[in-house]
Amino acid sequence: MKIMKKPLVGIIMGSSSDSRIMHGAAEILDEFGVPHEDQIISAHRTPTRLDEYAKHAEKNGFKVIIAGAGGA
């Protein structure tokens, strides 16, 4: 069983269609052994969820947030 470390980096994107591009960031972090999490959080469809994610990021141990969004 692989024990995951608490993520230091949050990778967020606006929709699942962005995951192909954002996957590259996750691959690089994996190469360097940097724990991360990937989330789909739309600023347009779920702005409150995005606001809460950002407000609690530091408390939750995140050092960096990588955000990406495609053209709607």
PDB file of N, CA and C in Angstrom:
ATOM      1  N   MET A   1       0.844  -1.182   0.000  1.00  0.00           N
ATOM      2  CA  MET A   1       0.000   0.000   0.000  1.00  0.00           C
ATOM      3  C   MET A   1       0.887   1.242   0.000  1.00  0.00           C
ATOM      4  N   LYS A   2       0.635   2.129  -0.934  1.00  0.00           N
ATOM      5  CA  LYS A   2       1.406   3.363  -1.045  1.00  0.00           C
ATOM      6  C   LYS A   2       0.756   4.430  -0.179  1.00  0.00           C
ATOM      7  N   ILE A   3       1.538   5.010   0.719  1.00  0.00           N
ATOM      8  CA  ILE A   3       1.030   6.074   1.583  1.00  0.00           C
ATOM      9  C   ILE A   3       1.338   7.404   0.907  1.00  0.00           C
ATOM     10  N   MET A   4       0.297   8.178   0.652  1.00  0.00           N
ATOM     11  CA  MET A   4       0.463   9.475   0.008  1.00  0.00           C
ATOM     12  C   MET A   4       0.783  10.531   1.057  1.00  0.00           C
ATOM     13  N   LYS A   5       1.756  11.360   0.741  1.00  0.00           N
ATOM     14  CA  LYS A   5       2.070  12.494   1.604  1.00  0.00           C
ATOM     15  C   LYS A   5       0.993  13.552   1.431  1.00  0.00           C
ATOM     16  N   LYS A   6       0.897  14.416   2.412  1.00  0.00           N
ATOM     17  CA  LYS A   6      -0.030  15.541   2.313  1.00  0.00           C
ATOM     18  C   LYS A   6       0.394  16.403   1.122  1.00  0.00           C
ATOM     19  N   PRO A   7      -0.547  16.748   0.239  1.00  0.00           N
ATOM     20  CA  PRO A   7      -0.158  17.507  -0.948  1.00  0.00           C
ATOM     21  C   PRO A   7       0.382  18.893  -0.623  1.00  0.00           C
ATOM     22  N   LEU A   8       1.442  19.264  -1.327  1.00  0.00           N
ATOM     23  CA  LEU A   8       2.022  20.602  -1.210  1.00  0.00           C
ATOM     24  C   LEU A   8       1.553  21.507  -2.341  1.00  0.00           C
ATOM     25  N   VAL A   9       1.112  20.882  -3.426  1.00  0.00           N
ATOM     26  CA  VAL A   9       0.692  21.623  -4.610  1.00  0.00           C
ATOM     27  C   VAL A   9      -0.728  21.220  -4.982  1.00  0.00           C
ATOM     28  N   GLY A  10      -1.545  22.217  -5.241  1.00  0.00           N
ATOM     29  CA  GLY A  10      -2.885  21.978  -5.756  1.00  0.00           C
ATOM     30  C   GLY A  10      -2.910  22.332  -7.229  1.00  0.00           C
ATOM     31  N   ILE A  11      -3.365  21.397  -8.046  1.00  0.00           N
ATOM     32  CA  ILE A  11      -3.534  21.655  -9.476  1.00  0.00           C
ATOM     33  C   ILE A  11      -5.032  21.746  -9.714  1.00  0.00           C
ATOM     34  N   ILE A  12      -5.494  22.926 -10.079  1.00  0.00           N
ATOM     35  CA  ILE A  12      -6.929  23.096 -10.291  1.00  0.00           C
ATOM     36  C   ILE A  12      -7.192  23.528 -11.727  1.00  0.00           C
ATOM     37  N   MET A  13      -8.324  23.086 -12.222  1.00  0.00           N
ATOM     38  CA  MET A  13      -8.717  23.410 -13.590  1.00  0.00           C
ATOM     39  C   MET A  13     -10.217  23.614 -13.649  1.00  0.00           C
ATOM     40  N   GLY A  14     -10.657  24.313 -14.676  1.00  0.00           N
ATOM     41  CA  GLY A  14     -12.059  24.673 -14.783  1.00  0.00           C
ATOM     42  C   GLY A  14     -12.980  23.548 -15.195  1.00  0.00           C
ATOM     43  N   SER A  15     -12.468  22.575 -15.958  1.00  0.00           N
ATOM     44  CA  SER A  15     -13.311  21.461 -16.393  1.00  0.00           C
ATOM     45  C   SER A  15     -12.442  20.257 -16.724  1.00  0.00           C
ATOM     46  N   SER A  16     -13.085  19.116 -16.889  1.00  0.00           N
ATOM     47  CA  SER A  16     -12.343  17.890 -17.189  1.00  0.00           C
ATOM     48  C   SER A  16     -11.637  17.977 -18.542  1.00  0.00           C
ATOM     49  N   SER A  17     -12.128  18.813 -19.439  1.00  0.00           N
ATOM     50  CA  SER A  17     -11.465  18.958 -20.742  1.00  0.00           C
ATOM     51  C   SER A  17     -10.079  19.597 -20.608  1.00  0.00           C
ATOM     52  N   ASP A  18      -9.812  20.254 -19.491  1.00  0.00           N
ATOM     53  CA  ASP A  18      -8.497  20.856 -19.244  1.00  0.00           C
ATOM     54  C   ASP A  18      -7.492  19.845 -18.693  1.00  0.00           C
ATOM     55  N   SER A  19      -7.960  18.673 -18.306  1.00  0.00           N
ATOM     56  CA  SER A  19      -7.084  17.724 -17.609  1.00  0.00           C
ATOM     57  C   SER A  19      -5.951  17.210 -18.488  1.00  0.00           C
ATOM     58  N   ARG A  20      -6.167  17.115 -19.795  1.00  0.00           N
ATOM     59  CA  ARG A  20      -5.106  16.632 -20.682  1.00  0.00           C
ATOM     60  C   ARG A  20      -3.884  17.549 -20.606  1.00  0.00           C
ATOM     61  N   ILE A  21      -4.116  18.842 -20.613  1.00  0.00           N
ATOM     62  CA  ILE A  21      -3.014  19.808 -20.535  1.00  0.00           C
ATOM     63  C   ILE A  21      -2.431  19.849 -19.125  1.00  0.00           C
ATOM     64  N   MET A  22      -3.286  19.902 -18.126  1.00  0.00           N
ATOM     65  CA  MET A  22      -2.823  20.029 -16.741  1.00  0.00           C
ATOM     66  C   MET A  22      -2.127  18.762 -16.251  1.00  0.00           C
ATOM     67  N   HIS A  23      -2.368  17.641 -16.918  1.00  0.00           N
ATOM     68  CA  HIS A  23      -1.709  16.389 -16.547  1.00  0.00           C
ATOM     69  C   HIS A  23      -0.188  16.529 -16.645  1.00  0.00           C
ATOM     70  N   GLY A  24       0.275  17.368 -17.553  1.00  0.00           N
ATOM     71  CA  GLY A  24       1.717  17.592 -17.686  1.00  0.00           C
ATOM     72  C   GLY A  24       2.335  18.146 -16.415  1.00  0.00           C
ATOM     73  N   ALA A  25       1.620  19.038 -15.749  1.00  0.00           N
ATOM     74  CA  ALA A  25       2.124  19.580 -14.481  1.00  0.00           C
ATOM     75  C   ALA A  25       2.233  18.476 -13.436  1.00  0.00           C
ATOM     76  N   ALA A  26       1.227  17.617 -13.392  1.00  0.00           N
ATOM     77  CA  ALA A  26       1.240  16.506 -12.432  1.00  0.00           C
ATOM     78  C   ALA A  26       2.403  15.554 -12.709  1.00  0.00           C
ATOM     79  N   GLU A  27       2.672  15.290 -13.972  1.00  0.00           N
ATOM     80  CA  GLU A  27       3.783  14.393 -14.320  1.00  0.00           C
ATOM     81  C   GLU A  27       5.126  14.949 -13.846  1.00  0.00           C
ATOM     82  N   ILE A  28       5.344  16.236 -14.037  1.00  0.00           N
ATOM     83  CA  ILE A  28       6.601  16.860 -13.592  1.00  0.00           C
ATOM     84  C   ILE A  28       6.720  16.793 -12.074  1.00  0.00           C
ATOM     85  N   LEU A  29       5.631  17.099 -11.377  1.00  0.00           N
ATOM     86  CA  LEU A  29       5.657  17.025  -9.911  1.00  0.00           C
ATOM     87  C   LEU A  29       5.947  15.603  -9.452  1.00  0.00           C
ATOM     88  N   ASP A  30       5.364  14.614 -10.130  1.00  0.00           N
ATOM     89  CA  ASP A  30       5.636  13.211  -9.798  1.00  0.00           C
ATOM     90  C   ASP A  30       7.114  12.879  -9.987  1.00  0.00           C
ATOM     91  N   GLU A  31       7.703  13.374 -11.072  1.00  0.00           N
ATOM     92  CA  GLU A  31       9.125  13.118 -11.334  1.00  0.00           C
ATOM     93  C   GLU A  31      10.007  13.614 -10.197  1.00  0.00           C
ATOM     94  N   PHE A  32       9.620  14.725  -9.588  1.00  0.00           N
ATOM     95  CA  PHE A  32      10.399  15.307  -8.497  1.00  0.00           C
ATOM     96  C   PHE A  32       9.915  14.854  -7.122  1.00  0.00           C
ATOM     97  N   GLY A  33       8.919  13.990  -7.085  1.00  0.00           N
ATOM     98  CA  GLY A  33       8.422  13.477  -5.814  1.00  0.00           C
ATOM     99  C   GLY A  33       7.652  14.498  -4.996  1.00  0.00           C
ATOM    100  N   VAL A  34       7.060  15.472  -5.667  1.00  0.00           N
ATOM    101  CA  VAL A  34       6.299  16.514  -4.970  1.00  0.00           C
ATOM    102  C   VAL A  34       4.844  16.064  -4.852  1.00  0.00           C
ATOM    103  N   PRO A  35       4.347  15.914  -3.633  1.00  0.00           N
ATOM    104  CA  PRO A  35       2.954  15.491  -3.471  1.00  0.00           C
ATOM    105  C   PRO A  35       1.987  16.585  -3.927  1.00  0.00           C
ATOM    106  N   HIS A  36       0.950  16.158  -4.633  1.00  0.00           N
ATOM    107  CA  HIS A  36      -0.005  17.115  -5.189  1.00  0.00           C
ATOM    108  C   HIS A  36      -1.388  16.489  -5.262  1.00  0.00           C
ATOM    109  N   GLU A  37      -2.364  17.343  -5.500  1.00  0.00           N
ATOM    110  CA  GLU A  37      -3.721  16.872  -5.765  1.00  0.00           C
ATOM    111  C   GLU A  37      -4.253  17.609  -6.980  1.00  0.00           C
ATOM    112  N   ASP A  38      -5.142  16.965  -7.699  1.00  0.00           N
ATOM    113  CA  ASP A  38      -5.786  17.556  -8.866  1.00  0.00           C
ATOM    114  C   ASP A  38      -7.266  17.729  -8.556  1.00  0.00           C
ATOM    115  N   GLN A  39      -7.790  18.906  -8.867  1.00  0.00           N
ATOM    116  CA  GLN A  39      -9.207  19.187  -8.625  1.00  0.00           C
ATOM    117  C   GLN A  39      -9.796  19.906  -9.831  1.00  0.00           C
ATOM    118  N   ILE A  40     -11.031  19.572 -10.145  1.00  0.00           N
ATOM    119  CA  ILE A  40     -11.788  20.327 -11.140  1.00  0.00           C
ATOM    120  C   ILE A  40     -12.715  21.242 -10.360  1.00  0.00           C
ATOM    121  N   ILE A  41     -12.450  22.539 -10.469  1.00  0.00           N
ATOM    122  CA  ILE A  41     -13.238  23.539  -9.742  1.00  0.00           C
ATOM    123  C   ILE A  41     -13.491  24.703 -10.700  1.00  0.00           C
ATOM    124  N   SER A  42     -14.689  24.806 -11.180  1.00  0.00           N
ATOM    125  CA  SER A  42     -15.029  25.858 -12.127  1.00  0.00           C
ATOM    126  C   SER A  42     -15.308  27.173 -11.410  1.00  0.00           C
ATOM    127  N   ALA A  43     -14.574  28.203 -11.807  1.00  0.00           N
ATOM    128  CA  ALA A  43     -14.817  29.533 -11.240  1.00  0.00           C
ATOM    129  C   ALA A  43     -16.178  30.066 -11.664  1.00  0.00           C
ATOM    130  N   HIS A  44     -16.686  29.586 -12.791  1.00  0.00           N
ATOM    131  CA  HIS A  44     -17.977  30.057 -13.296  1.00  0.00           C
ATOM    132  C   HIS A  44     -19.149  29.269 -12.717  1.00  0.00           C
ATOM    133  N   ARG A  45     -18.997  27.943 -12.650  1.00  0.00           N
ATOM    134  CA  ARG A  45     -20.106  27.100 -12.176  1.00  0.00           C
ATOM    135  C   ARG A  45     -20.118  26.915 -10.664  1.00  0.00           C
ATOM    136  N   THR A  46     -18.943  26.931 -10.043  1.00  0.00           N
ATOM    137  CA  THR A  46     -18.871  26.711  -8.592  1.00  0.00           C
ATOM    138  C   THR A  46     -17.936  27.733  -7.940  1.00  0.00           C
ATOM    139  N   PRO A  47     -18.257  29.016  -8.046  1.00  0.00           N
ATOM    140  CA  PRO A  47     -17.360  30.047  -7.497  1.00  0.00           C
ATOM    141  C   PRO A  47     -17.177  29.951  -5.988  1.00  0.00           C
ATOM    142  N   THR A  48     -18.207  29.533  -5.273  1.00  0.00           N
ATOM    143  CA  THR A  48     -18.086  29.406  -3.816  1.00  0.00           C
ATOM    144  C   THR A  48     -17.095  28.308  -3.453  1.00  0.00           C
ATOM    145  N   ARG A  49     -17.144  27.194  -4.175  1.00  0.00           N
ATOM    146  CA  ARG A  49     -16.204  26.098  -3.923  1.00  0.00           C
ATOM    147  C   ARG A  49     -14.770  26.557  -4.189  1.00  0.00           C
ATOM    148  N   LEU A  50     -14.567  27.305  -5.263  1.00  0.00           N
ATOM    149  CA  LEU A  50     -13.233  27.823  -5.573  1.00  0.00           C
ATOM    150  C   LEU A  50     -12.755  28.779  -4.489  1.00  0.00           C
ATOM    151  N   ASP A  51     -13.640  29.641  -4.036  1.00  0.00           N
ATOM    152  CA  ASP A  51     -13.308  30.591  -2.972  1.00  0.00           C
ATOM    153  C   ASP A  51     -12.884  29.853  -1.703  1.00  0.00           C
ATOM    154  N   GLU A  52     -13.627  28.829  -1.321  1.00  0.00           N
ATOM    155  CA  GLU A  52     -13.296  28.046  -0.121  1.00  0.00           C
ATOM    156  C   GLU A  52     -11.959  27.317  -0.287  1.00  0.00           C
ATOM    157  N   TYR A  53     -11.731  26.759  -1.463  1.00  0.00           N
ATOM    158  CA  TYR A  53     -10.466  26.065  -1.733  1.00  0.00           C
ATOM    159  C   TYR A  53      -9.292  27.025  -1.531  1.00  0.00           C
ATOM    160  N   ALA A  54      -9.406  28.217  -2.114  1.00  0.00           N
ATOM    161  CA  ALA A  54      -8.327  29.204  -2.008  1.00  0.00           C
ATOM    162  C   ALA A  54      -8.146  29.704  -0.575  1.00  0.00           C
ATOM    163  N   LYS A  55      -9.238  29.973   0.116  1.00  0.00           N
ATOM    164  CA  LYS A  55      -9.153  30.480   1.490  1.00  0.00           C
ATOM    165  C   LYS A  55      -8.468  29.493   2.428  1.00  0.00           C
ATOM    166  N   HIS A  56      -8.668  28.200   2.198  1.00  0.00           N
ATOM    167  CA  HIS A  56      -8.142  27.182   3.105  1.00  0.00           C
ATOM    168  C   HIS A  56      -6.855  26.528   2.604  1.00  0.00           C
ATOM    169  N   ALA A  57      -6.347  26.972   1.472  1.00  0.00           N
ATOM    170  CA  ALA A  57      -5.176  26.325   0.875  1.00  0.00           C
ATOM    171  C   ALA A  57      -3.962  26.334   1.804  1.00  0.00           C
ATOM    172  N   GLU A  58      -3.638  27.475   2.366  1.00  0.00           N
ATOM    173  CA  GLU A  58      -2.457  27.556   3.234  1.00  0.00           C
ATOM    174  C   GLU A  58      -2.645  26.703   4.485  1.00  0.00           C
ATOM    175  N   LYS A  59      -3.809  26.783   5.095  1.00  0.00           N
ATOM    176  CA  LYS A  59      -4.097  25.988   6.290  1.00  0.00           C
ATOM    177  C   LYS A  59      -4.015  24.489   5.986  1.00  0.00           C
ATOM    178  N   ASN A  60      -4.372  24.112   4.765  1.00  0.00           N
ATOM    179  CA  ASN A  60      -4.340  22.711   4.365  1.00  0.00           C
ATOM    180  C   ASN A  60      -2.961  22.256   3.895  1.00  0.00           C
ATOM    181  N   GLY A  61      -1.965  23.134   4.005  1.00  0.00           N
ATOM    182  CA  GLY A  61      -0.593  22.740   3.721  1.00  0.00           C
ATOM    183  C   GLY A  61      -0.096  23.027   2.321  1.00  0.00           C
ATOM    184  N   PHE A  62      -0.909  23.661   1.496  1.00  0.00           N
ATOM    185  CA  PHE A  62      -0.467  23.953   0.139  1.00  0.00           C
ATOM    186  C   PHE A  62       0.553  25.082   0.139  1.00  0.00           C
ATOM    187  N   LYS A  63       1.583  24.907  -0.651  1.00  0.00           N
ATOM    188  CA  LYS A  63       2.601  25.940  -0.845  1.00  0.00           C
ATOM    189  C   LYS A  63       2.408  26.630  -2.189  1.00  0.00           C
ATOM    190  N   VAL A  64       1.800  25.917  -3.132  1.00  0.00           N
ATOM    191  CA  VAL A  64       1.607  26.424  -4.490  1.00  0.00           C
ATOM    192  C   VAL A  64       0.264  25.935  -5.019  1.00  0.00           C
ATOM    193  N   ILE A  65      -0.398  26.792  -5.786  1.00  0.00           N
ATOM    194  CA  ILE A  65      -1.579  26.379  -6.541  1.00  0.00           C
ATOM    195  C   ILE A  65      -1.291  26.676  -8.009  1.00  0.00           C
ATOM    196  N   ILE A  66      -1.437  25.651  -8.832  1.00  0.00           N
ATOM    197  CA  ILE A  66      -1.317  25.811 -10.280  1.00  0.00           C
ATOM    198  C   ILE A  66      -2.735  25.771 -10.827  1.00  0.00           C
ATOM    199  N   ALA A  67      -3.143  26.843 -11.480  1.00  0.00           N
ATOM    200  CA  ALA A  67      -4.510  26.925 -11.999  1.00  0.00           C
ATOM    201  C   ALA A  67      -4.478  27.070 -13.513  1.00  0.00           C
ATOM    202  N   GLY A  68      -5.365  26.350 -14.160  1.00  0.00           N
ATOM    203  CA  GLY A  68      -5.467  26.449 -15.606  1.00  0.00           C
ATOM    204  C   GLY A  68      -6.916  26.385 -16.036  1.00  0.00           C
ATOM    205  N   ALA A  69      -7.203  27.048 -17.135  1.00  0.00           N
ATOM    206  CA  ALA A  69      -8.549  27.017 -17.693  1.00  0.00           C
ATOM    207  C   ALA A  69      -8.447  27.137 -19.202  1.00  0.00           C
ATOM    208  N   GLY A  70      -9.295  26.409 -19.872  1.00  0.00           N
ATOM    209  CA  GLY A  70      -9.325  26.472 -21.329  1.00  0.00           C
ATOM    210  C   GLY A  70     -10.272  27.555 -21.796  1.00  0.00           C
ATOM    211  N   GLY A  71     -10.330  27.719 -23.084  1.00  0.00           N
ATOM    212  CA  GLY A  71     -11.266  28.683 -23.652  1.00  0.00           C
ATOM    213  C   GLY A  71     -12.651  28.078 -23.708  1.00  0.00           C
ATOM    214  N   ALA A  72     -13.610  28.778 -23.161  1.00  0.00           N
ATOM    215  CA  ALA A  72     -14.980  28.252 -23.143  1.00  0.00           C
ATOM    216  C   ALA A  72     -15.612  28.393 -24.509  1.00  0.00           C
TER     217      ALA A  72
END
